[in-house]
Amino acid sequence: MQAHPHQREDHGHDHAHGHDHDHVHGHAHGHHHHGGGDFNRAFAIGTALNLGFVAVEAFYGWKVDSLALLADAAHNLSDVAGLVLAWAGAWAGRIRPDARHTYGWQRASILAAFANAVLLLVAMGGLGLEAVQRLAQPQPMHGWTVIWVAAAGIVVNTATALLFLRGQDDLNVRGAFLHMAADALVSLGVVVAGGLYLWQGWDWIDPVMSLIVAVVIVWGTLGLLRESTHLLFDGVPRQVDAQAVRAYLRALPGVTQVHDLHIWAMSTTQVALSARLVAPSGHPGDAVLREASEMLRDQHRIEHATLQFSQTPIGPSCEPPRP
């Protein structure tokens, strides 16, 4: 028995067919598009704001001959690339499925989150390398110019990060948020370093502050990298308790065994499940199947479930080893 859970609106269809093992196939298709579509405006505003800031920062860096500002402008350009990457991943996930891509291109959002994590780590590696080089040869700062430009960076990047604050359940949107929040933290570090330089005249404070900020951001980004890599390799999404799902399916009326339970992420917002349920007394009925589909969706956030009922086990099972 196969069932693909619906949205709450009732626009599906059911079919029933009899087979040797009393298989009944019911299909209901509903597609939710979370995250990407809701954040199109946020991505557009964030990209425009950051491109404008890159232009301003590069101009003042050139005007006062500040290598620090020019380097930070290049770093902010990588943030624009990160935003565009996340935007592209969200957009690709909304392309309708076709005969060759039956799930559409939803996994693009996972790829975008992974690429964003890698891009952020590379950017922080570059920042750290530059900081080490400048620590070896400290250079004077253009105090007030650096402070005011960096302060503008705090405003721009914080405002952009806030655009994505409500989308933390979407790993791709979270990647965009982390990118912007990280850059706001970098700019805050520059402001603090500029103030300490004006106060004490410490040439070394800017590279030291840059190293501290880079370490903090790398630590925070590793979680995004781990989670996106986990989803790329069809790991169970963190919001799903696989053991609780197995226990629920095993408790369905008439079910004695759960075989080949697989749970994976189709995108950063949608989860799929497939399982073979052994019911010796026969299929428990469409009402049970419908209730199971709704329960999986509402309690476990699994939008696309495929459940197959049979009176005896079918084929070899690929169960994971018991813990």
Protein backbone atom coordinates (compact mmCIF):
# COMPACT_ATOMS: atom_id res chain seq x y z
CA MET A 1 0.00 0.00 0.00
CA GLN A 2 1.48 3.32 -0.99
CA ALA A 3 0.28 6.63 0.33
CA HIS A 4 1.66 10.09 -0.26
CA PRO A 5 0.18 12.47 2.34
CA HIS A 6 -1.81 15.51 1.31
CA GLN A 7 -1.85 19.06 2.27
CA ARG A 8 -4.92 19.80 4.36
CA GLU A 9 -6.76 20.90 1.25
CA ASP A 10 -8.48 17.92 -0.32
CA HIS A 11 -7.27 17.75 -3.89
CA GLY A 12 -5.92 14.22 -4.17
CA HIS A 13 -7.18 10.93 -5.55
CA ASP A 14 -7.23 7.32 -4.38
CA HIS A 15 -6.94 4.10 -6.35
CA ALA A 16 -7.38 0.47 -5.24
CA HIS A 17 -5.97 -2.60 -6.94
CA GLY A 18 -5.98 -6.24 -5.84
CA HIS A 19 -2.76 -8.27 -6.04
CA ASP A 20 -1.48 -11.68 -4.91
CA HIS A 21 -0.41 -10.33 -1.53
CA ASP A 22 -3.49 -8.19 -1.00
CA HIS A 23 -1.73 -4.97 -1.95
CA VAL A 24 -3.94 -1.93 -2.11
CA HIS A 25 -2.36 1.16 -3.59
CA GLY A 26 -3.63 4.60 -2.66
CA HIS A 27 -2.03 7.80 -3.87
CA ALA A 28 -2.47 11.34 -2.71
CA HIS A 29 -0.06 13.99 -3.88
CA GLY A 30 0.42 17.35 -2.27
CA HIS A 31 3.44 19.59 -2.49
CA HIS A 32 4.32 22.25 0.04
CA HIS A 33 6.79 24.90 -0.93
CA HIS A 34 8.31 26.32 2.22
CA GLY A 35 11.10 28.77 2.72
CA GLY A 36 12.30 29.72 -0.76
CA GLY A 37 9.15 31.34 -2.11
CA ASP A 38 8.49 33.16 1.17
CA PHE A 39 12.00 34.61 1.17
CA ASN A 40 12.30 35.83 -2.42
CA ARG A 41 11.87 39.43 -1.28
CA ALA A 42 14.35 38.94 1.58
CA PHE A 43 16.97 37.55 -0.82
CA ALA A 44 16.42 40.44 -3.26
CA ILE A 45 16.65 43.13 -0.54
CA GLY A 46 19.66 41.47 1.11
CA THR A 47 21.54 41.13 -2.16
CA ALA A 48 20.88 44.78 -3.13
CA LEU A 49 21.90 46.09 0.31
CA ASN A 50 25.14 44.13 0.36
CA LEU A 51 26.10 45.02 -3.21
CA GLY A 52 25.61 48.68 -2.32
CA PHE A 53 27.73 48.31 0.80
CA VAL A 54 30.51 46.53 -1.12
CA ALA A 55 30.64 49.50 -3.53
CA VAL A 56 30.82 52.03 -0.66
CA GLU A 57 33.45 50.05 1.25
CA ALA A 58 35.61 49.52 -1.84
CA PHE A 59 35.40 53.27 -2.67
CA TYR A 60 36.51 54.39 0.80
CA GLY A 61 39.15 51.68 0.93
CA TRP A 62 40.59 53.01 -2.33
CA LYS A 63 40.21 56.64 -1.20
CA VAL A 64 42.15 56.25 2.06
CA ASP A 65 44.39 53.48 0.68
CA SER A 66 43.20 51.04 3.35
CA LEU A 67 44.08 47.43 2.62
CA ALA A 68 41.82 46.35 5.51
CA LEU A 69 38.74 47.99 3.99
CA LEU A 70 39.52 46.67 0.50
CA ALA A 71 40.00 43.16 1.88
CA ASP A 72 36.73 43.41 3.81
CA ALA A 73 34.96 44.61 0.66
CA ALA A 74 36.19 41.48 -1.11
CA HIS A 75 34.96 39.41 1.84
CA ASN A 76 31.54 41.10 1.66
CA LEU A 77 31.42 40.25 -2.02
CA SER A 78 31.67 36.58 -1.01
CA ASP A 79 28.62 37.20 1.21
CA VAL A 80 26.73 38.45 -1.82
CA ALA A 81 27.74 35.24 -3.58
CA GLY A 82 26.45 33.28 -0.58
CA LEU A 83 23.10 35.07 -0.71
CA VAL A 84 22.75 34.49 -4.44
CA LEU A 85 23.67 30.84 -3.94
CA ALA A 86 21.01 30.38 -1.25
CA TRP A 87 18.48 32.24 -3.40
CA ALA A 88 19.24 29.99 -6.38
CA GLY A 89 18.84 26.89 -4.20
CA ALA A 90 15.46 28.08 -2.94
CA TRP A 91 14.32 28.93 -6.49
CA ALA A 92 15.46 25.58 -7.92
CA GLY A 93 13.50 23.77 -5.23
CA ARG A 94 10.29 25.28 -6.63
CA ILE A 95 10.73 23.90 -10.15
CA ARG A 96 7.89 21.50 -10.86
CA PRO A 97 8.69 17.77 -11.07
CA ASP A 98 8.82 16.11 -14.47
CA ALA A 99 9.20 12.59 -15.85
CA ARG A 100 12.98 12.66 -15.43
CA HIS A 101 13.03 14.43 -12.05
CA THR A 102 10.05 13.06 -10.16
CA TYR A 103 10.92 15.00 -6.99
CA GLY A 104 11.80 18.14 -8.93
CA TRP A 105 15.00 19.95 -7.96
CA GLN A 106 14.28 20.29 -4.25
CA ARG A 107 17.65 18.90 -3.20
CA ALA A 108 19.25 22.05 -4.64
CA SER A 109 18.42 23.78 -1.35
CA ILE A 110 20.54 21.20 0.54
CA LEU A 111 23.39 21.67 -1.93
CA ALA A 112 23.13 25.45 -1.50
CA ALA A 113 23.32 25.13 2.29
CA PHE A 114 26.38 22.89 1.98
CA ALA A 115 28.07 25.23 -0.51
CA ASN A 116 27.27 28.22 1.71
CA ALA A 117 28.95 26.52 4.68
CA VAL A 118 32.03 25.74 2.58
CA LEU A 119 32.11 29.30 1.18
CA LEU A 120 31.90 30.77 4.68
CA LEU A 121 34.69 28.52 5.94
CA VAL A 122 36.89 29.47 2.97
CA ALA A 123 36.18 33.17 3.58
CA MET A 124 37.09 32.82 7.26
CA GLY A 125 40.24 30.91 6.27
CA GLY A 126 41.22 33.82 4.04
CA LEU A 127 40.45 36.31 6.83
CA GLY A 128 42.53 34.27 9.28
CA LEU A 129 45.48 34.03 6.88
CA GLU A 130 45.42 37.77 6.26
CA ALA A 131 45.23 38.39 10.00
CA VAL A 132 48.30 36.24 10.66
CA GLN A 133 50.24 38.06 7.93
CA ARG A 134 49.24 41.46 9.33
CA LEU A 135 50.11 40.32 12.85
CA ALA A 136 53.65 39.65 11.64
CA GLN A 137 53.79 43.14 10.10
CA PRO A 138 51.31 45.42 11.93
CA GLN A 139 50.20 48.47 9.98
CA PRO A 140 48.57 51.69 11.15
CA MET A 141 44.79 51.94 10.81
CA HIS A 142 42.75 54.81 9.39
CA GLY A 143 40.86 54.91 12.68
CA TRP A 144 37.66 56.90 12.18
CA THR A 145 37.17 56.00 8.52
CA VAL A 146 37.48 52.28 9.32
CA ILE A 147 35.10 52.64 12.29
CA TRP A 148 32.36 54.46 10.37
CA VAL A 149 32.49 52.15 7.37
CA ALA A 150 32.51 49.06 9.61
CA ALA A 151 29.60 50.51 11.63
CA ALA A 152 27.65 50.84 8.38
CA GLY A 153 28.52 47.20 7.74
CA ILE A 154 27.02 46.22 11.10
CA VAL A 155 23.75 47.96 10.17
CA VAL A 156 23.57 46.48 6.66
CA ASN A 157 24.48 42.92 7.64
CA THR A 158 22.34 42.87 10.79
CA ALA A 159 19.35 44.14 8.82
CA THR A 160 19.94 41.46 6.18
CA ALA A 161 20.33 38.73 8.80
CA LEU A 162 17.04 39.77 10.43
CA LEU A 163 15.29 39.21 7.09
CA PHE A 164 16.09 35.50 7.49
CA LEU A 165 15.61 35.20 11.24
CA ARG A 166 12.20 33.53 11.03
CA GLY A 167 13.38 30.82 8.61
CA GLN A 168 15.74 28.88 10.89
CA ASP A 169 13.90 25.60 10.26
CA ASP A 170 15.06 25.78 6.64
CA LEU A 171 18.74 24.83 6.51
CA ASN A 172 19.28 26.87 3.34
CA VAL A 173 17.76 30.02 4.87
CA ARG A 174 19.77 29.34 8.04
CA GLY A 175 22.91 29.31 5.90
CA ALA A 176 22.05 32.76 4.52
CA PHE A 177 21.32 34.00 8.06
CA LEU A 178 24.66 32.68 9.37
CA HIS A 179 26.51 34.31 6.49
CA MET A 180 25.01 37.72 7.27
CA ALA A 181 25.27 37.38 11.05
CA ALA A 182 28.91 36.34 10.67
CA ASP A 183 29.71 39.40 8.61
CA ALA A 184 27.96 41.66 11.12
CA LEU A 185 30.22 40.10 13.77
CA VAL A 186 33.29 40.75 11.60
CA SER A 187 32.27 44.41 11.22
CA LEU A 188 31.70 44.68 14.99
CA GLY A 189 35.20 43.33 15.53
CA VAL A 190 36.59 46.00 13.18
CA VAL A 191 34.74 48.76 15.08
CA VAL A 192 36.09 47.51 18.42
CA ALA A 193 39.59 47.21 16.98
CA GLY A 194 39.37 50.72 15.52
CA GLY A 195 38.27 52.16 18.87
CA LEU A 196 41.07 50.42 20.77
CA TYR A 197 43.58 51.60 18.15
CA LEU A 198 42.46 55.22 18.56
CA TRP A 199 42.57 54.85 22.34
CA GLN A 200 45.83 52.93 22.82
CA GLY A 201 47.54 53.03 19.42
CA TRP A 202 47.84 49.22 19.30
CA ASP A 203 48.81 48.24 15.74
CA TRP A 204 48.28 44.55 16.52
CA ILE A 205 44.68 44.81 17.75
CA ASP A 206 43.05 44.61 14.30
CA PRO A 207 44.60 41.26 13.24
CA VAL A 208 44.07 39.78 16.73
CA MET A 209 40.41 40.77 16.69
CA SER A 210 40.07 39.33 13.17
CA LEU A 211 41.50 35.99 14.33
CA ILE A 212 39.10 35.84 17.29
CA VAL A 213 36.10 36.60 15.09
CA ALA A 214 37.21 34.03 12.49
CA VAL A 215 37.50 31.29 15.12
CA VAL A 216 34.02 32.09 16.52
CA ILE A 217 32.43 32.03 13.07
CA VAL A 218 34.17 28.79 12.05
CA TRP A 219 32.91 27.15 15.24
CA GLY A 220 29.36 28.23 14.46
CA THR A 221 29.57 27.21 10.79
CA LEU A 222 30.74 23.66 11.45
CA GLY A 223 27.22 22.74 12.59
CA LEU A 224 25.76 23.93 9.27
CA LEU A 225 28.42 21.96 7.39
CA ARG A 226 27.76 18.77 9.39
CA GLU A 227 23.99 18.98 9.00
CA SER A 228 24.01 19.76 5.28
CA THR A 229 26.50 16.93 4.64
CA HIS A 230 24.30 14.59 6.71
CA LEU A 231 21.27 15.45 4.55
CA LEU A 232 23.23 15.12 1.30
CA PHE A 233 23.95 11.52 2.25
CA ASP A 234 20.25 10.82 2.97
CA GLY A 235 20.59 11.02 6.73
CA VAL A 236 17.45 11.28 8.86
CA PRO A 237 16.70 15.01 9.39
CA ARG A 238 17.36 16.17 12.93
CA GLN A 239 13.71 17.11 13.57
CA VAL A 240 12.57 13.52 12.97
CA ASP A 241 12.80 10.85 15.69
CA ALA A 242 13.25 7.69 13.63
CA GLN A 243 12.65 5.38 16.61
CA ALA A 244 9.39 7.15 17.47
CA VAL A 245 8.26 6.85 13.84
CA ARG A 246 9.08 3.12 13.82
CA ALA A 247 7.21 2.61 17.09
CA TYR A 248 4.16 4.45 15.74
CA LEU A 249 4.06 2.40 12.52
CA ARG A 250 4.54 -0.82 14.49
CA ALA A 251 1.53 0.10 16.65
CA LEU A 252 -0.84 0.52 13.68
CA PRO A 253 -3.80 -1.91 13.79
CA GLY A 254 -2.86 -5.34 12.45
CA VAL A 255 0.84 -4.50 11.89
CA THR A 256 3.31 -7.00 13.34
CA GLN A 257 6.57 -5.93 11.67
CA VAL A 258 8.09 -2.82 10.11
CA HIS A 259 10.59 -3.56 7.34
CA ASP A 260 12.84 -1.28 5.30
CA LEU A 261 12.01 1.97 7.05
CA HIS A 262 13.81 4.80 5.29
CA ILE A 263 13.55 8.50 6.15
CA TRP A 264 15.41 11.15 4.18
CA ALA A 265 15.32 14.83 3.23
CA MET A 266 14.00 15.76 -0.19
CA SER A 267 14.96 19.39 0.50
CA THR A 268 15.81 21.59 3.46
CA THR A 269 12.08 21.73 4.29
CA GLN A 270 10.48 18.49 3.06
CA VAL A 271 10.99 14.96 4.37
CA ALA A 272 10.13 11.62 2.71
CA LEU A 273 9.56 8.17 4.18
CA SER A 274 9.12 4.65 2.82
CA ALA A 275 8.39 1.45 4.75
CA ARG A 276 7.03 -2.08 4.32
CA LEU A 277 4.44 -2.99 6.96
CA VAL A 278 3.62 -6.66 7.57
CA ALA A 279 -0.08 -7.16 8.48
CA PRO A 280 -0.89 -10.94 8.52
CA SER A 281 -4.65 -10.35 8.75
CA GLY A 282 -4.64 -8.16 5.65
CA HIS A 283 -4.75 -4.48 4.90
CA PRO A 284 -6.27 -2.56 7.85
CA GLY A 285 -8.23 -0.18 5.62
CA ASP A 286 -7.89 3.23 4.02
CA ALA A 287 -9.02 5.02 7.18
CA VAL A 288 -5.98 3.69 9.06
CA LEU A 289 -3.73 4.63 6.17
CA ARG A 290 -5.15 8.15 6.00
CA GLU A 291 -4.72 8.60 9.75
CA ALA A 292 -1.13 7.35 9.55
CA SER A 293 -0.34 9.79 6.74
CA GLU A 294 -1.80 12.71 8.70
CA MET A 295 0.02 11.66 11.88
CA LEU A 296 3.37 11.41 10.08
CA ARG A 297 2.83 14.84 8.58
CA ASP A 298 1.51 16.66 11.64
CA GLN A 299 3.56 15.04 14.42
CA HIS A 300 6.78 14.13 12.61
CA ARG A 301 6.79 16.69 9.76
CA ILE A 302 7.07 13.95 7.12
CA GLU A 303 5.25 15.29 4.08
CA HIS A 304 5.78 12.44 1.62
CA ALA A 305 5.22 8.93 2.99
CA THR A 306 5.08 5.68 1.02
CA LEU A 307 3.69 2.76 3.02
CA GLN A 308 3.41 -0.77 1.60
CA PHE A 309 1.24 -3.36 3.37
CA SER A 310 1.65 -7.10 2.88
CA GLN A 311 0.50 -10.20 4.75
CA THR A 312 4.01 -11.71 4.74
CA PRO A 313 7.48 -10.13 4.49
CA ILE A 314 8.45 -9.37 0.88
CA GLY A 315 12.05 -9.74 -0.24
CA PRO A 316 15.16 -9.16 1.85
CA SER A 317 15.09 -6.45 4.46
CA CYS A 318 17.82 -3.82 4.64
CA GLU A 319 17.29 -2.93 8.28
CA PRO A 320 20.10 -1.05 10.04
CA PRO A 321 21.78 -2.89 12.92
CA ARG A 322 20.08 -2.47 16.26
CA PRO A 323 21.90 -0.09 18.66
